N, C-alpha and C. Protein backbone atom coordinates (compact mmCIF):
# COMPACT_ATOMS: atom_id res chain seq x y z
N MET A 1 18.71 27.78 12.10
CA MET A 1 18.83 26.28 11.49
C MET A 1 17.95 25.52 12.40
N ILE A 2 17.82 25.58 13.56
CA ILE A 2 17.04 25.00 14.26
C ILE A 2 15.45 25.23 14.08
N LYS A 3 15.12 26.38 13.74
CA LYS A 3 13.66 26.57 13.47
C LYS A 3 13.44 25.88 12.09
N TRP A 4 14.34 25.82 11.21
CA TRP A 4 14.23 25.18 9.90
C TRP A 4 13.82 23.67 10.29
N GLN A 5 14.54 23.06 11.27
CA GLN A 5 14.56 21.73 11.49
C GLN A 5 13.23 21.47 12.18
N ASP A 6 12.79 22.36 12.98
CA ASP A 6 11.49 22.19 13.78
C ASP A 6 10.30 22.14 12.61
N VAL A 7 10.49 23.10 11.60
CA VAL A 7 9.43 23.09 10.70
C VAL A 7 9.44 21.99 9.69
N ALA A 8 10.66 21.41 9.45
CA ALA A 8 10.72 20.29 8.80
C ALA A 8 10.24 18.97 9.57
N VAL A 9 10.32 18.92 10.76
CA VAL A 9 9.72 17.77 11.56
C VAL A 9 8.19 17.91 11.53
N LYS A 10 7.70 19.14 11.66
CA LYS A 10 6.16 19.38 11.56
C LYS A 10 5.71 19.03 10.41
N LEU A 11 6.19 19.29 9.02
CA LEU A 11 5.89 18.86 7.86
C LEU A 11 5.74 17.49 7.68
N LEU A 12 6.82 16.57 8.17
CA LEU A 12 6.85 15.16 8.11
C LEU A 12 5.52 14.64 9.01
N VAL A 13 5.42 15.18 10.08
CA VAL A 13 4.26 14.51 10.91
C VAL A 13 2.94 14.92 10.31
N LEU A 14 2.75 16.18 9.64
CA LEU A 14 1.50 16.55 9.09
C LEU A 14 1.21 15.61 7.87
N THR A 15 2.29 15.37 7.08
CA THR A 15 2.11 14.57 5.93
C THR A 15 1.77 12.98 6.11
N GLN A 16 2.15 12.63 7.09
CA GLN A 16 1.85 11.24 7.74
C GLN A 16 0.48 10.84 8.18
N GLN A 17 -0.06 11.81 9.05
CA GLN A 17 -1.17 11.58 9.79
C GLN A 17 -2.60 12.29 9.02
N VAL A 18 -2.72 11.98 7.81
CA VAL A 18 -3.83 12.47 7.21
C VAL A 18 -5.01 11.74 7.06
N THR A 19 -6.08 12.26 7.47
CA THR A 19 -7.49 11.54 7.29
C THR A 19 -8.31 12.44 6.28
N ASP A 20 -9.29 11.86 5.76
CA ASP A 20 -9.84 12.62 4.71
C ASP A 20 -10.71 13.72 5.41
N GLU A 21 -11.16 13.44 6.46
CA GLU A 21 -11.88 14.57 7.16
C GLU A 21 -11.27 15.86 7.58
N LYS A 22 -9.91 15.54 7.96
CA LYS A 22 -9.05 16.76 8.11
C LYS A 22 -8.16 17.24 7.29
N ARG A 23 -8.29 16.74 5.95
CA ARG A 23 -7.34 16.96 4.87
C ARG A 23 -7.28 18.55 4.63
N ASP A 24 -8.18 19.22 4.63
CA ASP A 24 -8.36 20.68 4.49
C ASP A 24 -7.57 21.51 5.43
N GLU A 25 -7.76 21.10 6.76
CA GLU A 25 -7.09 21.84 8.01
C GLU A 25 -5.52 21.58 7.65
N VAL A 26 -5.20 20.11 7.25
CA VAL A 26 -3.78 19.77 7.14
C VAL A 26 -3.05 20.74 6.04
N ILE A 27 -3.77 20.83 4.95
CA ILE A 27 -3.42 21.71 3.88
C ILE A 27 -3.16 23.13 4.17
N VAL A 28 -4.04 23.54 4.97
CA VAL A 28 -3.82 24.97 5.65
C VAL A 28 -2.44 24.95 6.46
N ASP A 29 -2.45 24.11 7.07
CA ASP A 29 -1.24 24.00 8.08
C ASP A 29 0.28 24.08 7.50
N ILE A 30 0.04 23.01 6.19
CA ILE A 30 1.26 22.90 5.56
C ILE A 30 1.65 24.02 4.73
N GLU A 31 0.63 24.85 4.45
CA GLU A 31 1.03 26.01 3.64
C GLU A 31 1.61 27.16 4.42
N ALA A 32 1.15 27.13 5.75
CA ALA A 32 1.64 27.96 6.63
C ALA A 32 3.02 27.63 6.97
N LEU A 33 3.31 26.47 7.20
CA LEU A 33 4.63 25.94 7.46
C LEU A 33 5.56 26.08 6.26
N LEU A 34 5.11 26.02 5.06
CA LEU A 34 5.93 26.34 3.88
C LEU A 34 6.30 27.70 3.88
N ASP A 35 5.26 28.69 4.12
CA ASP A 35 5.55 30.10 4.18
C ASP A 35 6.55 30.41 5.44
N GLU A 36 6.31 29.81 6.40
CA GLU A 36 7.47 29.95 7.47
C GLU A 36 8.92 29.68 6.90
N ARG A 37 8.93 28.49 6.46
CA ARG A 37 10.16 28.08 6.09
C ARG A 37 10.79 28.89 5.11
N ASP A 38 10.08 29.46 4.21
CA ASP A 38 10.55 30.48 2.92
C ASP A 38 11.04 31.67 3.74
N GLN A 39 10.30 32.12 4.84
CA GLN A 39 10.94 33.29 5.60
C GLN A 39 12.23 32.95 6.28
N LEU A 40 12.32 31.74 6.66
CA LEU A 40 13.73 31.33 7.63
C LEU A 40 14.89 31.12 6.69
N GLN A 41 14.63 30.72 5.33
CA GLN A 41 15.52 30.52 4.38
C GLN A 41 16.40 31.65 4.14
N SER A 42 15.80 32.98 4.22
CA SER A 42 16.49 34.21 4.07
C SER A 42 17.61 34.35 5.25
N ASP A 43 17.13 33.87 6.35
CA ASP A 43 17.99 34.03 7.54
C ASP A 43 19.35 33.31 7.54
N ILE A 44 19.34 32.24 6.74
CA ILE A 44 20.57 31.48 6.81
C ILE A 44 21.56 31.94 5.76
N LEU A 45 22.70 32.43 6.40
CA LEU A 45 23.66 33.13 5.67
C LEU A 45 25.07 32.57 5.98
N ALA A 46 25.91 32.47 4.98
CA ALA A 46 27.38 31.99 5.20
C ALA A 46 27.95 32.97 5.84
N PRO A 47 29.20 32.72 6.24
CA PRO A 47 29.86 31.54 6.55
C PRO A 47 29.46 30.78 7.58
N PHE A 48 29.60 29.48 7.38
CA PHE A 48 29.11 28.42 8.52
C PHE A 48 30.28 27.79 9.28
N THR A 49 29.99 27.57 10.61
CA THR A 49 30.93 26.89 11.44
C THR A 49 30.94 25.29 11.06
N ALA A 50 31.98 24.73 11.51
CA ALA A 50 31.78 23.05 11.37
C ALA A 50 30.73 22.49 12.00
N GLU A 51 30.17 22.89 13.09
CA GLU A 51 29.06 22.43 13.74
C GLU A 51 27.86 22.43 12.76
N GLU A 52 27.71 23.72 12.21
CA GLU A 52 26.64 24.30 11.25
C GLU A 52 26.78 23.57 9.99
N GLU A 53 27.80 23.16 9.54
CA GLU A 53 28.00 22.29 8.50
C GLU A 53 27.43 20.90 8.49
N VAL A 54 27.79 20.41 9.58
CA VAL A 54 27.07 19.10 9.90
C VAL A 54 25.85 19.19 10.22
N PHE A 55 25.21 20.02 10.86
CA PHE A 55 23.80 20.37 11.05
C PHE A 55 23.20 20.53 9.69
N GLY A 56 23.86 21.26 8.87
CA GLY A 56 23.20 21.56 7.65
C GLY A 56 23.08 20.26 6.57
N LYS A 57 24.08 19.53 6.72
CA LYS A 57 24.08 18.35 5.94
C LYS A 57 22.77 17.34 6.53
N GLU A 58 22.50 17.41 7.75
CA GLU A 58 21.47 16.57 8.37
C GLU A 58 20.06 17.24 7.81
N LEU A 59 20.04 18.35 7.66
CA LEU A 59 18.75 19.18 7.36
C LEU A 59 18.69 18.96 5.90
N VAL A 60 19.68 18.94 5.16
CA VAL A 60 19.61 18.49 3.59
C VAL A 60 18.84 17.12 3.59
N ALA A 61 19.41 16.19 4.30
CA ALA A 61 18.94 14.98 4.10
C ALA A 61 17.38 14.97 4.58
N MET A 62 17.19 15.49 5.63
CA MET A 62 15.81 15.50 6.08
C MET A 62 14.76 16.51 5.11
N GLU A 63 15.41 17.46 4.51
CA GLU A 63 14.70 18.25 3.47
C GLU A 63 14.34 17.12 2.26
N ALA A 64 15.13 16.43 1.95
CA ALA A 64 14.76 15.26 0.78
C ALA A 64 13.53 14.51 1.28
N ASP A 65 13.60 13.98 2.45
CA ASP A 65 12.61 13.15 2.89
C ASP A 65 11.24 14.18 2.71
N VAL A 66 11.15 15.31 3.22
CA VAL A 66 10.29 16.29 3.33
C VAL A 66 9.68 16.37 1.82
N GLN A 67 10.32 16.62 1.01
CA GLN A 67 10.08 16.63 -0.44
C GLN A 67 9.45 15.46 -0.95
N LYS A 68 9.77 14.39 -0.53
CA LYS A 68 9.19 13.06 -1.11
C LYS A 68 7.73 12.91 -0.51
N LYS A 69 7.67 13.25 0.99
CA LYS A 69 6.40 13.21 1.55
C LYS A 69 5.46 14.26 1.16
N LEU A 70 5.80 15.38 0.71
CA LEU A 70 5.02 16.24 0.03
C LEU A 70 4.50 15.93 -1.37
N ALA A 71 5.32 15.31 -1.92
CA ALA A 71 5.11 14.71 -3.47
C ALA A 71 4.10 13.64 -3.15
N LEU A 72 4.19 12.92 -2.33
CA LEU A 72 3.28 11.57 -2.13
C LEU A 72 1.97 12.08 -1.60
N PHE A 73 2.02 13.20 -0.76
CA PHE A 73 0.63 13.78 -0.43
C PHE A 73 -0.04 14.46 -1.66
N THR A 74 0.67 15.03 -2.31
CA THR A 74 -0.16 15.81 -3.51
C THR A 74 -0.59 14.76 -4.40
N LYS A 75 0.13 13.71 -4.64
CA LYS A 75 -0.27 12.68 -5.48
C LYS A 75 -1.59 11.99 -4.95
N ARG A 76 -1.62 11.80 -3.76
CA ARG A 76 -2.87 11.24 -3.05
C ARG A 76 -3.97 12.15 -3.23
N ILE A 77 -3.80 13.34 -3.15
CA ILE A 77 -4.74 14.43 -3.50
C ILE A 77 -5.30 14.39 -4.92
N ARG A 78 -4.41 14.40 -5.85
CA ARG A 78 -4.83 14.30 -7.26
C ARG A 78 -5.44 12.95 -7.50
N LYS A 79 -5.00 11.87 -7.06
CA LYS A 79 -5.78 10.59 -7.32
C LYS A 79 -7.19 10.70 -6.69
N ASP A 80 -7.31 11.23 -5.59
CA ASP A 80 -8.70 11.38 -4.91
C ASP A 80 -9.60 12.16 -6.00
N ILE A 81 -9.03 13.33 -6.42
CA ILE A 81 -9.75 14.24 -7.32
C ILE A 81 -10.04 13.48 -8.72
N SER A 82 -9.11 12.57 -9.28
CA SER A 82 -9.46 12.01 -10.41
C SER A 82 -10.60 10.98 -10.02
N GLU A 83 -10.48 10.33 -8.92
CA GLU A 83 -11.33 9.27 -8.70
C GLU A 83 -12.93 9.89 -8.60
N ALA A 84 -12.87 11.20 -7.76
CA ALA A 84 -14.23 11.82 -7.59
C ALA A 84 -14.78 12.17 -9.08
N GLN A 85 -13.99 12.60 -9.86
CA GLN A 85 -14.35 13.13 -11.28
C GLN A 85 -15.00 11.87 -11.98
N SER A 86 -14.32 10.75 -12.03
CA SER A 86 -14.69 9.58 -12.64
C SER A 86 -15.93 9.09 -12.07
N LYS A 87 -16.13 9.18 -10.75
CA LYS A 87 -17.44 8.83 -10.22
C LYS A 87 -18.64 9.58 -10.59
N LYS A 88 -18.39 11.05 -10.89
CA LYS A 88 -19.13 11.85 -11.32
C LYS A 88 -19.51 11.67 -12.67
N ASP A 89 -18.59 11.25 -13.53
CA ASP A 89 -18.89 10.98 -15.06
C ASP A 89 -19.66 9.57 -15.16
N HIS A 90 -19.50 8.55 -14.31
CA HIS A 90 -20.20 7.40 -14.13
C HIS A 90 -21.71 7.74 -13.68
N VAL A 91 -21.81 8.42 -12.71
CA VAL A 91 -23.37 8.78 -12.46
C VAL A 91 -24.01 9.40 -13.46
N LYS A 92 -23.26 10.24 -14.20
CA LYS A 92 -23.97 11.03 -15.23
C LYS A 92 -24.37 10.06 -16.45
N SER A 93 -23.38 9.18 -16.85
CA SER A 93 -23.69 8.13 -17.83
C SER A 93 -24.75 7.15 -17.31
N TYR A 94 -24.92 6.92 -16.08
CA TYR A 94 -25.82 5.98 -15.50
C TYR A 94 -27.30 6.73 -15.76
N VAL A 95 -27.23 8.13 -15.44
CA VAL A 95 -28.70 8.73 -15.31
C VAL A 95 -29.04 8.82 -16.86
N ASN A 96 -28.12 9.15 -17.91
CA ASN A 96 -28.48 9.21 -19.19
C ASN A 96 -27.30 8.46 -20.16
N PRO A 97 -27.89 7.31 -20.22
CA PRO A 97 -26.78 6.26 -20.89
C PRO A 97 -26.53 6.54 -22.51
N TYR A 98 -27.50 7.24 -23.14
CA TYR A 98 -27.55 7.56 -24.45
C TYR A 98 -26.92 8.92 -24.87
N ARG A 99 -26.60 9.61 -23.73
CA ARG A 99 -25.91 11.04 -24.08
C ARG A 99 -24.60 10.87 -24.82
N SER A 100 -23.79 9.94 -24.63
CA SER A 100 -22.61 9.85 -25.29
C SER A 100 -22.42 9.21 -26.64
N LEU A 101 -23.54 8.66 -27.09
CA LEU A 101 -23.54 7.88 -28.34
C LEU A 101 -23.70 8.84 -29.55
N GLY A 102 -22.68 8.56 -30.59
CA GLY A 102 -22.67 9.25 -31.63
C GLY A 102 -23.77 8.94 -32.60
N ARG A 103 -23.66 9.55 -33.86
CA ARG A 103 -24.57 9.01 -34.92
C ARG A 103 -23.85 8.51 -35.91
N ASP A 104 -23.10 7.55 -35.55
CA ASP A 104 -22.11 6.74 -36.88
C ASP A 104 -23.02 6.03 -37.58
N GLY A 105 -24.35 5.81 -37.22
CA GLY A 105 -25.16 4.74 -38.11
C GLY A 105 -25.88 5.41 -39.10
N THR A 106 -26.00 6.89 -38.98
CA THR A 106 -26.81 7.41 -39.80
C THR A 106 -26.48 7.66 -41.32
N PHE A 107 -27.43 7.34 -42.09
CA PHE A 107 -27.23 7.22 -43.67
C PHE A 107 -27.53 8.56 -44.08
N TYR A 108 -26.69 9.34 -44.85
CA TYR A 108 -26.82 10.41 -45.65
C TYR A 108 -26.76 10.20 -47.08
N ASP A 109 -28.01 10.36 -47.78
CA ASP A 109 -28.14 10.28 -49.27
C ASP A 109 -27.38 11.39 -49.81
N THR A 110 -26.30 11.40 -50.50
CA THR A 110 -25.55 12.23 -51.01
C THR A 110 -26.01 12.80 -52.56
N LYS A 111 -26.84 11.88 -53.13
CA LYS A 111 -27.31 12.13 -54.49
C LYS A 111 -28.59 12.78 -54.66
N GLN A 112 -29.13 13.42 -53.68
CA GLN A 112 -30.33 14.14 -53.72
C GLN A 112 -30.02 15.60 -54.00
């Protein structure tokens, strides 16, 4: 359980200190820590002592914080991706402004 706590603390630290330049490295580190945590989960088996119960409750509270931080981290990544996509679309529309116009003003003579 102590190893689990160490991994959770490392995850919290990684999600807080992210810069755009190091984001790819942080993502790789987070994935490695999540894999390590998954392996540690199989080692936690009942029955628990009273001390382990208290420690486990603290870990559950910390785990909720980790989940929130990871969700916020992925939300920031998704936001950056959507902003990059909108910039890309904006540049395309600036280069060729008439590309997206439809032909709604075209007259078709149906009596011919």
